[in-house]
Amino acid sequence: MPYLQKNSRPIPILITGAHRSGTTWVGKMLAAAPQTAYISEPLNVLHRRGVFRADVNHWYTYITEENETKYLPAFQELLKFQYHPFAELISLRSRKDILRMGRDLAIFVNGKFRDQRALIKDPFAVFSAAWFAKKLNCQIVFTIRHPAGFASSLKRLNWPFDFHHLLEQPMLMHEYLEKDRVDMEKIQADDIVGQSALLWRMVYRQVHTALGLFPHFKIVRHEDLSLDPVTGYKSLYDSLGLNFTDNVRETILNSSSSENPSELSKKKVHSVKLNSRANMDNWKKRLAADEITRIRKMTEDVSHLFYSDIEW
């Protein structure tokens, strides 16, 4: 497909999927391409106001034509690399915030003057992927991780999920998640494994639906990239029209080397330097047998679409 829009602007790319499913790794590896400008999580409720000026009140915000007026102008500005320094300045609270502002401003300036493709990494856009494709002409890449791997990551980090962020979005509930209402309402606040399985099921049921409606959307499995990173990323680069250079190859090898740790420090949860092969099976050590059985039972109506019996 052509990688320029009718207005001669480069076509943007959206990397999305459940959080802790590899979106950061995939995003960072694609950001090694000289044509891309990496923009992280505008739909994060704690996003940087200089990057994206619209308010975001819910995790996994669902955007459609019915509510797009709140978000569309801000995304159109983002894709044109229009940074908002004054909005960012009033939000600064620490030295780290100042450094982030400098980083983001440099990305936007570089993106504008080098005519780069906006590369948006945002797991919280997963329910809105069709809108990103139709309204913003984004190429869509979904990442997926084994449901037990996903659950074990959230359990290790002690990251619960508050389903009120979904329940309080009427359009999202009506169109996709009404059948899950009871499960969301009764899940316990400290049941991270159960929360993870339920969230995985809902997210990837919707991903499967989107892939059926939009066959040109792409999906990459975290496990496949972990087993053979260079081949997997080379294929993804080719499908997105990105240049797979020697520098890109070295970046990928460096991120997945067997010399990297097999477990990330909890202080560096967004690091992408990991022994990718060793990390694949960490969930088998982190989770008890009954937890694995429960996750499989809760997700089996969707997980079989992406993972075989032998992968359990």
C-alpha atoms as a PDB file:
ATOM      1  CA  MET A   1       0.000   0.000   0.000  1.00  0.00           C
ATOM      2  CA  PRO A   2       1.158   3.626  -0.479  1.00  0.00           C
ATOM      3  CA  TYR A   3       2.666   5.206   2.611  1.00  0.00           C
ATOM      4  CA  LEU A   4       1.662   8.785   1.790  1.00  0.00           C
ATOM      5  CA  GLN A   5      -1.833  10.160   2.247  1.00  0.00           C
ATOM      6  CA  LYS A   6      -3.616  12.223  -0.420  1.00  0.00           C
ATOM      7  CA  ASN A   7      -2.317  15.367   1.263  1.00  0.00           C
ATOM      8  CA  SER A   8       1.240  13.976   0.919  1.00  0.00           C
ATOM      9  CA  ARG A   9       1.534  13.481   4.682  1.00  0.00           C
ATOM     10  CA  PRO A  10       3.156  10.185   5.725  1.00  0.00           C
ATOM     11  CA  ILE A  11       0.664   7.582   6.936  1.00  0.00           C
ATOM     12  CA  PRO A  12       0.768   7.203  10.743  1.00  0.00           C
ATOM     13  CA  ILE A  13       1.081   3.869  12.550  1.00  0.00           C
ATOM     14  CA  LEU A  14      -0.780   2.802  15.690  1.00  0.00           C
ATOM     15  CA  ILE A  15       0.637   0.031  17.884  1.00  0.00           C
ATOM     16  CA  THR A  16      -2.017  -1.187  20.300  1.00  0.00           C
ATOM     17  CA  GLY A  17      -3.234  -4.181  22.312  1.00  0.00           C
ATOM     18  CA  ALA A  18      -3.663  -4.830  26.018  1.00  0.00           C
ATOM     19  CA  HIS A  19      -1.118  -3.143  28.283  1.00  0.00           C
ATOM     20  CA  ARG A  20       1.776  -5.499  29.181  1.00  0.00           C
ATOM     21  CA  SER A  21       1.297  -7.253  25.830  1.00  0.00           C
ATOM     22  CA  GLY A  22       4.475  -5.988  24.158  1.00  0.00           C
ATOM     23  CA  THR A  23       3.290  -2.663  22.746  1.00  0.00           C
ATOM     24  CA  THR A  24       6.313  -0.841  24.165  1.00  0.00           C
ATOM     25  CA  TRP A  25       8.793  -3.377  22.771  1.00  0.00           C
ATOM     26  CA  VAL A  26       7.182  -3.333  19.333  1.00  0.00           C
ATOM     27  CA  GLY A  27       6.894   0.440  19.381  1.00  0.00           C
ATOM     28  CA  LYS A  28      10.531   0.952  20.371  1.00  0.00           C
ATOM     29  CA  MET A  29      11.766  -1.498  17.748  1.00  0.00           C
ATOM     30  CA  LEU A  30       9.755   0.235  15.011  1.00  0.00           C
ATOM     31  CA  ALA A  31      11.008   3.574  16.325  1.00  0.00           C
ATOM     32  CA  ALA A  32      14.501   2.459  15.293  1.00  0.00           C
ATOM     33  CA  ALA A  33      13.426   3.173  11.705  1.00  0.00           C
ATOM     34  CA  PRO A  34      14.582   6.629  10.620  1.00  0.00           C
ATOM     35  CA  GLN A  35      11.150   7.343   9.084  1.00  0.00           C
ATOM     36  CA  THR A  36       9.270   7.154  12.396  1.00  0.00           C
ATOM     37  CA  ALA A  37       8.656   9.471  15.359  1.00  0.00           C
ATOM     38  CA  TYR A  38       7.704   7.593  18.540  1.00  0.00           C
ATOM     39  CA  ILE A  39       4.759   9.023  20.502  1.00  0.00           C
ATOM     40  CA  SER A  40       3.803   7.256  23.713  1.00  0.00           C
ATOM     41  CA  GLU A  41       0.264   6.775  25.024  1.00  0.00           C
ATOM     42  CA  PRO A  42      -1.759   9.913  24.309  1.00  0.00           C
ATOM     43  CA  LEU A  43      -4.799   8.027  25.699  1.00  0.00           C
ATOM     44  CA  ASN A  44      -3.083   7.303  29.001  1.00  0.00           C
ATOM     45  CA  VAL A  45      -5.068   9.147  31.690  1.00  0.00           C
ATOM     46  CA  LEU A  46      -1.707  10.560  32.856  1.00  0.00           C
ATOM     47  CA  HIS A  47      -0.549  11.619  29.371  1.00  0.00           C
ATOM     48  CA  ARG A  48       1.652  14.648  28.738  1.00  0.00           C
ATOM     49  CA  ARG A  49      -0.457  17.717  27.922  1.00  0.00           C
ATOM     50  CA  GLY A  50       2.138  19.074  25.533  1.00  0.00           C
ATOM     51  CA  VAL A  51       1.777  15.977  23.379  1.00  0.00           C
ATOM     52  CA  PHE A  52      -2.009  15.628  23.506  1.00  0.00           C
ATOM     53  CA  ARG A  53      -4.155  18.472  24.784  1.00  0.00           C
ATOM     54  CA  ALA A  54      -7.484  16.639  25.224  1.00  0.00           C
ATOM     55  CA  ASP A  55      -8.649  15.327  28.592  1.00  0.00           C
ATOM     56  CA  VAL A  56      -8.663  11.542  29.044  1.00  0.00           C
ATOM     57  CA  ASN A  57     -10.728  10.324  31.979  1.00  0.00           C
ATOM     58  CA  HIS A  58     -10.852   6.552  31.480  1.00  0.00           C
ATOM     59  CA  TRP A  59      -8.367   3.805  30.762  1.00  0.00           C
ATOM     60  CA  TYR A  60      -9.226   2.231  27.391  1.00  0.00           C
ATOM     61  CA  THR A  61     -11.244   5.227  26.233  1.00  0.00           C
ATOM     62  CA  TYR A  62     -13.561   4.295  23.368  1.00  0.00           C
ATOM     63  CA  ILE A  63     -13.653   6.871  20.544  1.00  0.00           C
ATOM     64  CA  THR A  64     -16.321   6.822  17.833  1.00  0.00           C
ATOM     65  CA  GLU A  65     -17.958   9.351  15.526  1.00  0.00           C
ATOM     66  CA  GLU A  66     -20.434  10.031  18.328  1.00  0.00           C
ATOM     67  CA  ASN A  67     -17.825  11.444  20.733  1.00  0.00           C
ATOM     68  CA  GLU A  68     -14.900  12.256  18.436  1.00  0.00           C
ATOM     69  CA  THR A  69     -15.250  16.033  18.713  1.00  0.00           C
ATOM     70  CA  LYS A  70     -13.510  15.796  22.091  1.00  0.00           C
ATOM     71  CA  TYR A  71     -10.463  14.000  20.657  1.00  0.00           C
ATOM     72  CA  LEU A  72     -10.197  14.516  16.882  1.00  0.00           C
ATOM     73  CA  PRO A  73      -8.697  18.054  16.859  1.00  0.00           C
ATOM     74  CA  ALA A  74      -6.060  17.027  19.418  1.00  0.00           C
ATOM     75  CA  PHE A  75      -5.102  13.952  17.397  1.00  0.00           C
ATOM     76  CA  GLN A  76      -4.971  15.964  14.156  1.00  0.00           C
ATOM     77  CA  GLU A  77      -2.558  18.355  15.857  1.00  0.00           C
ATOM     78  CA  LEU A  78      -0.510  15.468  17.207  1.00  0.00           C
ATOM     79  CA  LEU A  79      -0.177  13.934  13.735  1.00  0.00           C
ATOM     80  CA  LYS A  80       1.040  17.287  12.434  1.00  0.00           C
ATOM     81  CA  PHE A  81       3.581  17.360  15.290  1.00  0.00           C
ATOM     82  CA  GLN A  82       2.057  20.465  16.849  1.00  0.00           C
ATOM     83  CA  TYR A  83       3.477  20.570  20.364  1.00  0.00           C
ATOM     84  CA  HIS A  84       1.738  22.575  23.127  1.00  0.00           C
ATOM     85  CA  PRO A  85       4.536  23.989  25.315  1.00  0.00           C
ATOM     86  CA  PHE A  86       2.349  26.202  27.511  1.00  0.00           C
ATOM     87  CA  ALA A  87      -0.037  23.354  28.329  1.00  0.00           C
ATOM     88  CA  GLU A  88       2.979  21.270  29.285  1.00  0.00           C
ATOM     89  CA  LEU A  89       4.678  23.984  31.320  1.00  0.00           C
ATOM     90  CA  ILE A  90       1.750  24.368  33.713  1.00  0.00           C
ATOM     91  CA  SER A  91       1.757  20.603  34.339  1.00  0.00           C
ATOM     92  CA  LEU A  92       5.437  20.346  35.286  1.00  0.00           C
ATOM     93  CA  ARG A  93       5.998  19.071  38.820  1.00  0.00           C
ATOM     94  CA  SER A  94       9.523  17.635  38.857  1.00  0.00           C
ATOM     95  CA  ARG A  95      12.899  17.500  37.155  1.00  0.00           C
ATOM     96  CA  LYS A  96      11.760  14.296  35.438  1.00  0.00           C
ATOM     97  CA  ASP A  97       8.803  16.186  33.967  1.00  0.00           C
ATOM     98  CA  ILE A  98      11.170  18.819  32.587  1.00  0.00           C
ATOM     99  CA  LEU A  99      13.341  16.156  30.974  1.00  0.00           C
ATOM    100  CA  ARG A 100      10.262  14.498  29.463  1.00  0.00           C
ATOM    101  CA  MET A 101       9.177  17.813  28.030  1.00  0.00           C
ATOM    102  CA  GLY A 102      12.555  18.239  26.372  1.00  0.00           C
ATOM    103  CA  ARG A 103      12.377  14.718  24.970  1.00  0.00           C
ATOM    104  CA  ASP A 104       8.857  15.143  23.610  1.00  0.00           C
ATOM    105  CA  LEU A 105       9.542  18.564  22.129  1.00  0.00           C
ATOM    106  CA  ALA A 106      12.610  17.185  20.334  1.00  0.00           C
ATOM    107  CA  ILE A 107      10.556  14.296  18.919  1.00  0.00           C
ATOM    108  CA  PHE A 108       7.894  16.682  17.610  1.00  0.00           C
ATOM    109  CA  VAL A 109      10.366  19.139  16.092  1.00  0.00           C
ATOM    110  CA  ASN A 110      12.329  16.324  14.478  1.00  0.00           C
ATOM    111  CA  GLY A 111       9.144  14.664  13.230  1.00  0.00           C
ATOM    112  CA  LYS A 112       7.894  17.854  11.626  1.00  0.00           C
ATOM    113  CA  PHE A 113      11.105  18.885   9.894  1.00  0.00           C
ATOM    114  CA  ARG A 114      12.118  15.385   8.790  1.00  0.00           C
ATOM    115  CA  ASP A 115       8.576  14.619   7.623  1.00  0.00           C
ATOM    116  CA  GLN A 116       8.485  11.437   9.684  1.00  0.00           C
ATOM    117  CA  ARG A 117       5.591   9.049  10.200  1.00  0.00           C
ATOM    118  CA  ALA A 118       3.920   9.394  13.589  1.00  0.00           C
ATOM    119  CA  LEU A 119       4.317   6.083  15.423  1.00  0.00           C
ATOM    120  CA  ILE A 120       1.735   6.041  18.206  1.00  0.00           C
ATOM    121  CA  LYS A 121       2.243   3.382  20.869  1.00  0.00           C
ATOM    122  CA  ASP A 122      -0.925   3.200  22.900  1.00  0.00           C
ATOM    123  CA  PRO A 123      -2.465   0.053  24.396  1.00  0.00           C
ATOM    124  CA  PHE A 124      -5.412   2.138  25.599  1.00  0.00           C
ATOM    125  CA  ALA A 125      -6.493   2.763  21.988  1.00  0.00           C
ATOM    126  CA  VAL A 126      -7.299  -0.885  21.334  1.00  0.00           C
ATOM    127  CA  PHE A 127     -11.099  -0.550  21.410  1.00  0.00           C
ATOM    128  CA  SER A 128     -10.830   2.535  19.177  1.00  0.00           C
ATOM    129  CA  ALA A 129      -8.589   0.994  16.499  1.00  0.00           C
ATOM    130  CA  ALA A 130     -11.247   1.147  13.777  1.00  0.00           C
ATOM    131  CA  TRP A 131     -11.721   4.873  14.435  1.00  0.00           C
ATOM    132  CA  PHE A 132      -7.960   5.469  14.196  1.00  0.00           C
ATOM    133  CA  ALA A 133      -7.921   3.661  10.854  1.00  0.00           C
ATOM    134  CA  LYS A 134     -10.987   5.333   9.332  1.00  0.00           C
ATOM    135  CA  LYS A 135     -10.665   8.844  10.723  1.00  0.00           C
ATOM    136  CA  LEU A 136      -6.870   9.262  10.977  1.00  0.00           C
ATOM    137  CA  ASN A 137      -5.820   6.788   8.257  1.00  0.00           C
ATOM    138  CA  CYS A 138      -3.530   4.911  10.653  1.00  0.00           C
ATOM    139  CA  GLN A 139      -1.980   1.575   9.861  1.00  0.00           C
ATOM    140  CA  ILE A 140      -2.950  -0.663  12.772  1.00  0.00           C
ATOM    141  CA  VAL A 141      -0.713  -3.220  14.491  1.00  0.00           C
ATOM    142  CA  PHE A 142      -2.156  -5.252  17.364  1.00  0.00           C
ATOM    143  CA  THR A 143       0.164  -6.965  19.818  1.00  0.00           C
ATOM    144  CA  ILE A 144      -0.956 -10.037  21.715  1.00  0.00           C
ATOM    145  CA  ARG A 145       0.582 -11.988  24.561  1.00  0.00           C
ATOM    146  CA  HIS A 146      -0.425 -15.381  25.931  1.00  0.00           C
ATOM    147  CA  PRO A 147      -3.199 -14.820  28.507  1.00  0.00           C
ATOM    148  CA  ALA A 148      -1.166 -16.544  31.224  1.00  0.00           C
ATOM    149  CA  GLY A 149       1.882 -14.428  30.354  1.00  0.00           C
ATOM    150  CA  PHE A 150      -0.251 -11.309  30.510  1.00  0.00           C
ATOM    151  CA  ALA A 151      -1.767 -12.283  33.864  1.00  0.00           C
ATOM    152  CA  SER A 152       1.576 -13.247  35.366  1.00  0.00           C
ATOM    153  CA  SER A 153       3.078  -9.887  34.418  1.00  0.00           C
ATOM    154  CA  LEU A 154       0.273  -7.981  36.113  1.00  0.00           C
ATOM    155  CA  LYS A 155       0.410 -10.270  39.140  1.00  0.00           C
ATOM    156  CA  ARG A 156       4.179  -9.755  39.506  1.00  0.00           C
ATOM    157  CA  LEU A 157       3.809  -5.979  39.302  1.00  0.00           C
ATOM    158  CA  ASN A 158       0.734  -6.006  41.546  1.00  0.00           C
ATOM    159  CA  TRP A 159      -1.214  -3.972  38.984  1.00  0.00           C
ATOM    160  CA  PRO A 160      -4.967  -4.327  39.524  1.00  0.00           C
ATOM    161  CA  PHE A 161      -7.492  -3.031  36.993  1.00  0.00           C
ATOM    162  CA  ASP A 162     -10.582  -1.037  37.926  1.00  0.00           C
ATOM    163  CA  PHE A 163     -13.364  -2.123  35.557  1.00  0.00           C
ATOM    164  CA  HIS A 164     -15.343   1.022  36.321  1.00  0.00           C
ATOM    165  CA  HIS A 165     -13.204   2.609  33.608  1.00  0.00           C
ATOM    166  CA  LEU A 166     -15.070   0.396  31.140  1.00  0.00           C
ATOM    167  CA  LEU A 167     -18.431   0.246  32.900  1.00  0.00           C
ATOM    168  CA  GLU A 168     -18.645   4.055  32.884  1.00  0.00           C
ATOM    169  CA  GLN A 169     -18.422   4.206  29.066  1.00  0.00           C
ATOM    170  CA  PRO A 170     -22.006   3.584  27.814  1.00  0.00           C
ATOM    171  CA  MET A 171     -21.135   3.329  24.119  1.00  0.00           C
ATOM    172  CA  LEU A 172     -18.338   0.840  24.749  1.00  0.00           C
ATOM    173  CA  MET A 173     -20.580  -1.261  26.965  1.00  0.00           C
ATOM    174  CA  HIS A 174     -23.487  -1.174  24.523  1.00  0.00           C
ATOM    175  CA  GLU A 175     -21.456  -2.051  21.446  1.00  0.00           C
ATOM    176  CA  TYR A 176     -18.981  -4.606  22.803  1.00  0.00           C
ATOM    177  CA  LEU A 177     -18.953  -5.369  26.510  1.00  0.00           C
ATOM    178  CA  GLU A 178     -22.532  -5.671  27.783  1.00  0.00           C
ATOM    179  CA  LYS A 179     -22.210  -9.460  27.923  1.00  0.00           C
ATOM    180  CA  ASP A 180     -19.319  -9.007  30.373  1.00  0.00           C
ATOM    181  CA  ARG A 181     -21.078  -6.574  32.710  1.00  0.00           C
ATOM    182  CA  VAL A 182     -21.873  -9.097  35.451  1.00  0.00           C
ATOM    183  CA  ASP A 183     -18.328 -10.484  35.445  1.00  0.00           C
ATOM    184  CA  MET A 184     -16.870  -6.995  35.684  1.00  0.00           C
ATOM    185  CA  GLU A 185     -19.197  -5.967  38.492  1.00  0.00           C
ATOM    186  CA  LYS A 186     -18.525  -9.015  40.646  1.00  0.00           C
ATOM    187  CA  ILE A 187     -14.737  -9.344  40.218  1.00  0.00           C
ATOM    188  CA  GLN A 188     -12.883  -8.675  43.460  1.00  0.00           C
ATOM    189  CA  ALA A 189     -10.623  -5.629  43.755  1.00  0.00           C
ATOM    190  CA  ASP A 190      -7.652  -7.750  44.892  1.00  0.00           C
ATOM    191  CA  ASP A 191      -8.145 -10.557  42.332  1.00  0.00           C
ATOM    192  CA  ILE A 192      -5.430  -9.519  39.880  1.00  0.00           C
ATOM    193  CA  VAL A 193      -5.272 -12.899  38.130  1.00  0.00           C
ATOM    194  CA  GLY A 194      -9.035 -12.934  37.571  1.00  0.00           C
ATOM    195  CA  GLN A 195      -9.041  -9.300  36.454  1.00  0.00           C
ATOM    196  CA  SER A 196      -6.258 -10.013  33.978  1.00  0.00           C
ATOM    197  CA  ALA A 197      -8.039 -12.996  32.442  1.00  0.00           C
ATOM    198  CA  LEU A 198     -11.295 -11.064  32.114  1.00  0.00           C
ATOM    199  CA  LEU A 199      -9.617  -8.022  30.563  1.00  0.00           C
ATOM    200  CA  TRP A 200      -7.610 -10.207  28.156  1.00  0.00           C
ATOM    201  CA  ARG A 201     -10.794 -11.971  27.020  1.00  0.00           C
ATOM    202  CA  MET A 202     -12.609  -8.712  26.309  1.00  0.00           C
ATOM    203  CA  VAL A 203      -9.707  -7.003  24.569  1.00  0.00           C
ATOM    204  CA  TYR A 204      -8.820  -9.871  22.260  1.00  0.00           C
ATOM    205  CA  ARG A 205     -12.396 -10.776  21.450  1.00  0.00           C
ATOM    206  CA  GLN A 206     -12.656  -7.242  20.102  1.00  0.00           C
ATOM    207  CA  VAL A 207      -9.290  -7.558  18.331  1.00  0.00           C
ATOM    208  CA  HIS A 208     -10.513 -10.737  16.603  1.00  0.00           C
ATOM    209  CA  THR A 209     -13.670  -8.913  15.515  1.00  0.00           C
ATOM    210  CA  ALA A 210     -11.626  -5.997  14.167  1.00  0.00           C
ATOM    211  CA  LEU A 211      -9.339  -8.321  12.208  1.00  0.00           C
ATOM    212  CA  GLY A 212     -12.387  -9.874  10.565  1.00  0.00           C
ATOM    213  CA  LEU A 213     -13.747  -6.474   9.547  1.00  0.00           C
ATOM    214  CA  PHE A 214     -10.392  -4.998   8.541  1.00  0.00           C
ATOM    215  CA  PRO A 215      -8.182  -7.770   7.079  1.00  0.00           C
ATOM    216  CA  HIS A 216      -5.357  -5.287   6.446  1.00  0.00           C
ATOM    217  CA  PHE A 217      -4.918  -4.746  10.196  1.00  0.00           C
ATOM    218  CA  LYS A 218      -1.893  -6.626  11.480  1.00  0.00           C
ATOM    219  CA  ILE A 219      -1.351  -8.703  14.612  1.00  0.00           C
ATOM    220  CA  VAL A 220       1.948  -9.869  16.072  1.00  0.00           C
ATOM    221  CA  ARG A 221       2.317 -12.392  18.858  1.00  0.00           C
ATOM    222  CA  HIS A 222       4.771 -11.511  21.593  1.00  0.00           C
ATOM    223  CA  GLU A 223       5.930 -15.136  21.661  1.00  0.00           C
ATOM    224  CA  ASP A 224       6.740 -15.262  17.939  1.00  0.00           C
ATOM    225  CA  LEU A 225       8.790 -12.087  18.146  1.00  0.00           C
ATOM    226  CA  SER A 226      10.551 -13.437  21.246  1.00  0.00           C
ATOM    227  CA  LEU A 227      11.548 -16.681  19.501  1.00  0.00           C
ATOM    228  CA  ASP A 228      12.919 -15.043  16.361  1.00  0.00           C
ATOM    229  CA  PRO A 229      13.059 -11.265  16.781  1.00  0.00           C
ATOM    230  CA  VAL A 230      14.982 -10.383  13.618  1.00  0.00           C
ATOM    231  CA  THR A 231      12.770 -12.413  11.275  1.00  0.00           C
ATOM    232  CA  GLY A 232       9.586 -11.264  12.992  1.00  0.00           C
ATOM    233  CA  TYR A 233      10.464  -7.607  12.962  1.00  0.00           C
ATOM    234  CA  LYS A 234      11.811  -7.762   9.405  1.00  0.00           C
ATOM    235  CA  SER A 235       8.414  -9.054   8.282  1.00  0.00           C
ATOM    236  CA  LEU A 236       6.623  -6.322  10.214  1.00  0.00           C
ATOM    237  CA  TYR A 237       8.923  -3.637   8.820  1.00  0.00           C
ATOM    238  CA  ASP A 238       8.255  -4.849   5.277  1.00  0.00           C
ATOM    239  CA  SER A 239       4.495  -4.854   5.793  1.00  0.00           C
ATOM    240  CA  LEU A 240       4.594  -1.272   7.101  1.00  0.00           C
ATOM    241  CA  GLY A 241       6.926   0.040   4.405  1.00  0.00           C
ATOM    242  CA  LEU A 242       9.755   0.810   6.822  1.00  0.00           C
ATOM    243  CA  ASN A 243      13.460   0.507   6.040  1.00  0.00           C
ATOM    244  CA  PHE A 244      15.072  -2.433   7.831  1.00  0.00           C
ATOM    245  CA  THR A 245      18.639  -1.134   8.154  1.00  0.00           C
ATOM    246  CA  ASP A 246      21.705  -2.619   9.809  1.00  0.00           C
ATOM    247  CA  ASN A 247      21.149  -0.227  12.690  1.00  0.00           C
ATOM    248  CA  VAL A 248      17.595  -1.529  13.099  1.00  0.00           C
ATOM    249  CA  ARG A 249      18.879  -5.113  13.147  1.00  0.00           C
ATOM    250  CA  GLU A 250      21.418  -4.251  15.841  1.00  0.00           C
ATOM    251  CA  THR A 251      18.786  -2.479  17.915  1.00  0.00           C
ATOM    252  CA  ILE A 252      16.557  -5.562  17.802  1.00  0.00           C
ATOM    253  CA  LEU A 253      19.390  -7.938  18.652  1.00  0.00           C
ATOM    254  CA  ASN A 254      20.476  -5.710  21.525  1.00  0.00           C
ATOM    255  CA  SER A 255      16.957  -5.632  22.966  1.00  0.00           C
ATOM    256  CA  SER A 256      16.464  -9.410  22.877  1.00  0.00           C
ATOM    257  CA  SER A 257      19.957 -10.789  23.548  1.00  0.00           C
ATOM    258  CA  SER A 258      20.472 -13.841  25.730  1.00  0.00           C
ATOM    259  CA  GLU A 259      22.904 -11.681  27.716  1.00  0.00           C
ATOM    260  CA  ASN A 260      20.017  -9.505  28.889  1.00  0.00           C
ATOM    261  CA  PRO A 261      18.176 -10.345  32.143  1.00  0.00           C
ATOM    262  CA  SER A 262      15.342 -12.867  31.956  1.00  0.00           C
ATOM    263  CA  GLU A 263      13.334 -10.766  34.427  1.00  0.00           C
ATOM    264  CA  LEU A 264      12.996  -6.997  34.396  1.00  0.00           C
ATOM    265  CA  SER A 265      13.497  -5.019  37.552  1.00  0.00           C
ATOM    266  CA  LYS A 266      10.196  -3.750  38.953  1.00  0.00           C
ATOM    267  CA  LYS A 267      11.824  -0.322  38.861  1.00  0.00           C
ATOM    268  CA  LYS A 268      12.237  -0.586  35.073  1.00  0.00           C
ATOM    269  CA  VAL A 269       8.910  -2.033  33.986  1.00  0.00           C
ATOM    270  CA  HIS A 270       9.037  -0.299  30.601  1.00  0.00           C
ATOM    271  CA  SER A 271      12.553  -1.378  29.686  1.00  0.00           C
ATOM    272  CA  VAL A 272      12.838  -3.276  26.403  1.00  0.00           C
ATOM    273  CA  LYS A 273      16.208  -4.950  27.115  1.00  0.00           C
ATOM    274  CA  LEU A 274      15.339  -8.523  28.013  1.00  0.00           C
ATOM    275  CA  ASN A 275      16.346 -12.079  27.207  1.00  0.00           C
ATOM    276  CA  SER A 276      13.297 -12.560  24.996  1.00  0.00           C
ATOM    277  CA  ARG A 277      13.425 -16.372  24.833  1.00  0.00           C
ATOM    278  CA  ALA A 278      13.838 -16.811  28.585  1.00  0.00           C
ATOM    279  CA  ASN A 279      11.049 -14.322  29.299  1.00  0.00           C
ATOM    280  CA  MET A 280       8.536 -16.336  27.256  1.00  0.00           C
ATOM    281  CA  ASP A 281       8.036 -19.040  29.875  1.00  0.00           C
ATOM    282  CA  ASN A 282       8.331 -16.962  33.023  1.00  0.00           C
ATOM    283  CA  TRP A 283       4.584 -17.301  33.584  1.00  0.00           C
ATOM    284  CA  LYS A 284       4.993 -21.037  34.160  1.00  0.00           C
ATOM    285  CA  LYS A 285       7.136 -20.230  37.199  1.00  0.00           C
ATOM    286  CA  ARG A 286       5.148 -17.257  38.472  1.00  0.00           C
ATOM    287  CA  LEU A 287       1.686 -18.811  38.372  1.00  0.00           C
ATOM    288  CA  ALA A 288       0.361 -21.742  40.376  1.00  0.00           C
ATOM    289  CA  ALA A 289      -1.243 -24.642  38.505  1.00  0.00           C
ATOM    290  CA  ASP A 290      -4.724 -23.686  39.669  1.00  0.00           C
ATOM    291  CA  GLU A 291      -4.177 -20.104  38.501  1.00  0.00           C
ATOM    292  CA  ILE A 292      -3.189 -21.306  35.027  1.00  0.00           C
ATOM    293  CA  THR A 293      -6.256 -23.558  34.904  1.00  0.00           C
ATOM    294  CA  ARG A 294      -8.481 -20.656  35.927  1.00  0.00           C
ATOM    295  CA  ILE A 295      -6.992 -18.285  33.341  1.00  0.00           C
ATOM    296  CA  ARG A 296      -7.463 -20.861  30.616  1.00  0.00           C
ATOM    297  CA  LYS A 297     -11.073 -21.501  31.599  1.00  0.00           C
ATOM    298  CA  MET A 298     -11.887 -17.773  31.716  1.00  0.00           C
ATOM    299  CA  THR A 299     -10.310 -17.036  28.317  1.00  0.00           C
ATOM    300  CA  GLU A 300     -10.803 -20.255  26.350  1.00  0.00           C
ATOM    301  CA  ASP A 301     -13.635 -18.951  24.155  1.00  0.00           C
ATOM    302  CA  VAL A 302     -11.149 -16.401  22.739  1.00  0.00           C
ATOM    303  CA  SER A 303      -7.661 -17.768  23.463  1.00  0.00           C
ATOM    304  CA  HIS A 304      -8.106 -20.745  21.111  1.00  0.00           C
ATOM    305  CA  LEU A 305      -8.304 -18.240  18.242  1.00  0.00           C
ATOM    306  CA  PHE A 306      -4.708 -17.218  18.879  1.00  0.00           C
ATOM    307  CA  TYR A 307      -3.040 -20.019  20.884  1.00  0.00           C
ATOM    308  CA  SER A 308      -3.100 -23.807  20.485  1.00  0.00           C
ATOM    309  CA  ASP A 309      -3.558 -26.366  23.229  1.00  0.00           C
ATOM    310  CA  ILE A 310       0.159 -27.190  23.183  1.00  0.00           C
ATOM    311  CA  GLU A 311       0.974 -23.576  24.080  1.00  0.00           C
ATOM    312  CA  TRP A 312      -0.660 -24.025  27.483  1.00  0.00           C
END
